[in-house]
N, C-alpha and C. Protein backbone atom coordinates (compact mmCIF):
# COMPACT_ATOMS: atom_id res chain seq x y z
N MET A 1 -26.38 -19.38 34.59
CA MET A 1 -25.75 -19.58 33.15
C MET A 1 -24.35 -20.08 33.64
N ARG A 2 -24.73 -21.19 32.47
CA ARG A 2 -23.16 -21.65 32.57
C ARG A 2 -22.91 -21.74 31.01
N MET A 3 -21.54 -21.14 30.52
CA MET A 3 -20.79 -20.93 29.85
C MET A 3 -19.82 -21.87 29.35
N PRO A 4 -19.41 -21.96 27.93
CA PRO A 4 -17.82 -22.22 27.74
C PRO A 4 -17.11 -21.70 27.45
N ASN A 5 -15.51 -21.80 28.27
CA ASN A 5 -15.04 -20.86 27.82
C ASN A 5 -13.77 -21.12 26.82
N ALA A 6 -13.75 -20.35 25.70
CA ALA A 6 -12.39 -20.28 24.33
C ALA A 6 -11.66 -20.83 24.82
N VAL A 7 -11.15 -20.45 26.03
CA VAL A 7 -9.09 -20.64 26.98
C VAL A 7 -9.52 -21.65 27.53
N HIS A 8 -10.32 -22.28 28.51
CA HIS A 8 -10.38 -23.08 29.68
C HIS A 8 -11.76 -24.11 29.20
N PRO A 9 -12.04 -24.53 27.96
CA PRO A 9 -12.85 -25.16 27.25
C PRO A 9 -13.47 -26.36 28.66
N ALA A 10 -12.86 -26.66 29.56
CA ALA A 10 -13.48 -27.40 30.01
C ALA A 10 -13.91 -26.75 31.32
N ALA A 11 -13.49 -25.70 31.54
CA ALA A 11 -14.04 -24.99 32.82
C ALA A 11 -15.52 -24.70 32.32
N THR A 12 -16.34 -24.67 33.72
CA THR A 12 -17.89 -23.20 33.64
C THR A 12 -17.77 -22.22 34.32
N PHE A 13 -18.41 -21.35 34.59
CA PHE A 13 -18.81 -20.49 35.16
C PHE A 13 -20.12 -20.13 35.47
N ARG A 14 -20.56 -19.22 36.46
CA ARG A 14 -21.75 -18.95 36.26
C ARG A 14 -22.19 -17.25 36.78
N ASN A 15 -22.73 -16.55 35.64
CA ASN A 15 -22.94 -15.43 35.85
C ASN A 15 -24.54 -14.65 35.87
N ALA A 16 -24.69 -13.53 36.84
CA ALA A 16 -25.96 -13.07 36.67
C ALA A 16 -26.03 -12.27 36.35
N GLU A 17 -27.43 -11.66 35.71
CA GLU A 17 -27.93 -10.07 34.91
C GLU A 17 -28.92 -9.80 35.88
N LEU A 18 -28.73 -8.58 36.06
CA LEU A 18 -29.53 -7.47 36.87
C LEU A 18 -29.51 -6.56 35.92
N MET A 19 -31.09 -7.14 35.48
CA MET A 19 -31.33 -5.63 34.56
C MET A 19 -32.86 -4.76 34.99
N THR A 20 -32.41 -3.84 34.83
CA THR A 20 -33.75 -2.66 35.30
C THR A 20 -34.20 -2.06 34.05
N PHE A 21 -35.42 -2.23 34.14
CA PHE A 21 -36.29 -1.35 32.74
C PHE A 21 -37.44 -0.34 33.53
N GLU A 22 -37.50 0.91 32.86
CA GLU A 22 -38.53 2.14 33.59
C GLU A 22 -39.15 2.37 32.13
N ALA A 23 -39.98 2.50 32.49
CA ALA A 23 -41.26 2.76 31.60
C ALA A 23 -41.06 2.24 30.24
N GLY A 24 -40.79 0.62 30.25
CA GLY A 24 -40.96 -0.52 29.81
C GLY A 24 -39.75 -0.32 28.51
N LYS A 25 -38.75 0.23 29.20
CA LYS A 25 -37.10 -0.32 28.29
C LYS A 25 -36.31 -0.18 29.26
N LEU A 26 -35.36 -0.37 28.38
CA LEU A 26 -34.11 -1.37 29.72
C LEU A 26 -33.25 -0.16 29.53
N LYS A 27 -32.96 -0.07 31.18
CA LYS A 27 -32.42 1.00 31.66
C LYS A 27 -30.87 0.81 32.10
N SER A 28 -30.84 -0.25 33.11
CA SER A 28 -29.10 -0.81 33.19
C SER A 28 -28.92 -2.32 33.38
N VAL A 29 -27.78 -2.71 33.02
CA VAL A 29 -27.69 -4.10 33.22
C VAL A 29 -26.42 -4.13 33.77
N GLU A 30 -26.65 -4.85 35.26
CA GLU A 30 -25.20 -4.98 35.82
C GLU A 30 -25.27 -6.65 36.14
N VAL A 31 -23.91 -7.18 35.56
CA VAL A 31 -23.24 -7.97 35.73
C VAL A 31 -22.23 -8.58 36.70
N PHE A 32 -22.81 -9.68 37.60
CA PHE A 32 -22.14 -10.37 38.13
C PHE A 32 -21.01 -11.89 38.07
N PHE A 33 -20.13 -11.39 38.44
CA PHE A 33 -19.20 -12.79 37.69
C PHE A 33 -18.88 -13.36 38.33
N GLY A 34 -18.53 -14.96 37.98
CA GLY A 34 -18.65 -16.19 39.63
C GLY A 34 -17.29 -16.18 39.52
N ASP A 35 -17.05 -16.97 40.03
CA ASP A 35 -15.43 -17.48 40.69
C ASP A 35 -14.99 -18.22 39.69
N PRO A 36 -13.42 -18.23 39.69
CA PRO A 36 -12.81 -19.28 38.30
C PRO A 36 -12.56 -20.35 39.14
N PRO A 37 -12.58 -21.27 38.18
CA PRO A 37 -12.04 -23.05 38.43
C PRO A 37 -11.41 -23.08 39.73
N GLY A 38 -11.46 -23.74 39.97
CA GLY A 38 -10.20 -24.28 41.53
C GLY A 38 -9.49 -24.36 41.57
N GLY A 39 -8.47 -24.16 41.84
CA GLY A 39 -7.07 -24.22 41.60
C GLY A 39 -5.95 -22.53 41.24
N LEU A 40 -7.20 -21.98 41.04
CA LEU A 40 -6.57 -20.37 39.64
C LEU A 40 -6.96 -19.39 40.78
N THR A 41 -6.36 -18.02 41.19
CA THR A 41 -6.54 -17.08 41.80
C THR A 41 -7.42 -16.36 40.50
N ARG A 42 -8.10 -15.51 40.69
CA ARG A 42 -8.82 -14.69 39.64
C ARG A 42 -7.56 -13.94 38.97
N GLN A 43 -6.78 -13.43 39.48
CA GLN A 43 -5.84 -12.90 38.55
C GLN A 43 -5.37 -13.61 37.46
N ALA A 44 -4.81 -14.56 37.91
CA ALA A 44 -4.13 -15.89 37.02
C ALA A 44 -5.49 -16.40 36.26
N PHE A 45 -6.44 -16.28 36.35
CA PHE A 45 -7.61 -17.16 35.54
C PHE A 45 -7.60 -15.46 34.49
N ALA A 46 -7.99 -14.22 34.81
CA ALA A 46 -8.02 -13.82 33.88
C ALA A 46 -6.57 -13.02 33.14
N ALA A 47 -5.34 -13.13 33.39
CA ALA A 47 -4.77 -13.35 32.56
C ALA A 47 -4.12 -14.34 31.65
N GLN A 48 -4.77 -15.47 32.01
CA GLN A 48 -4.33 -16.62 30.98
C GLN A 48 -5.78 -16.44 30.15
N SER A 49 -6.83 -16.23 30.53
CA SER A 49 -7.60 -15.39 29.43
C SER A 49 -7.88 -14.52 28.73
N GLY A 50 -6.87 -14.05 28.44
CA GLY A 50 -6.62 -12.72 27.94
C GLY A 50 -7.29 -11.43 28.25
N ALA A 51 -8.10 -11.36 29.67
CA ALA A 51 -8.34 -10.52 30.38
C ALA A 51 -7.56 -9.71 31.22
N GLY A 52 -6.40 -9.89 31.20
CA GLY A 52 -5.65 -9.60 32.19
C GLY A 52 -4.13 -9.03 32.37
């Protein structure tokens, strides 16, 4: 999935979701986040995006 980022509108990233079902119902969701745009560390990107 490619999603725009409000703070970094030109940046795109990929996430992957792992959904586990049991008895036809959603049991859990694990989200794996992609790497930040080139030139930024994960910490710097999180801080600029308001999550750090």
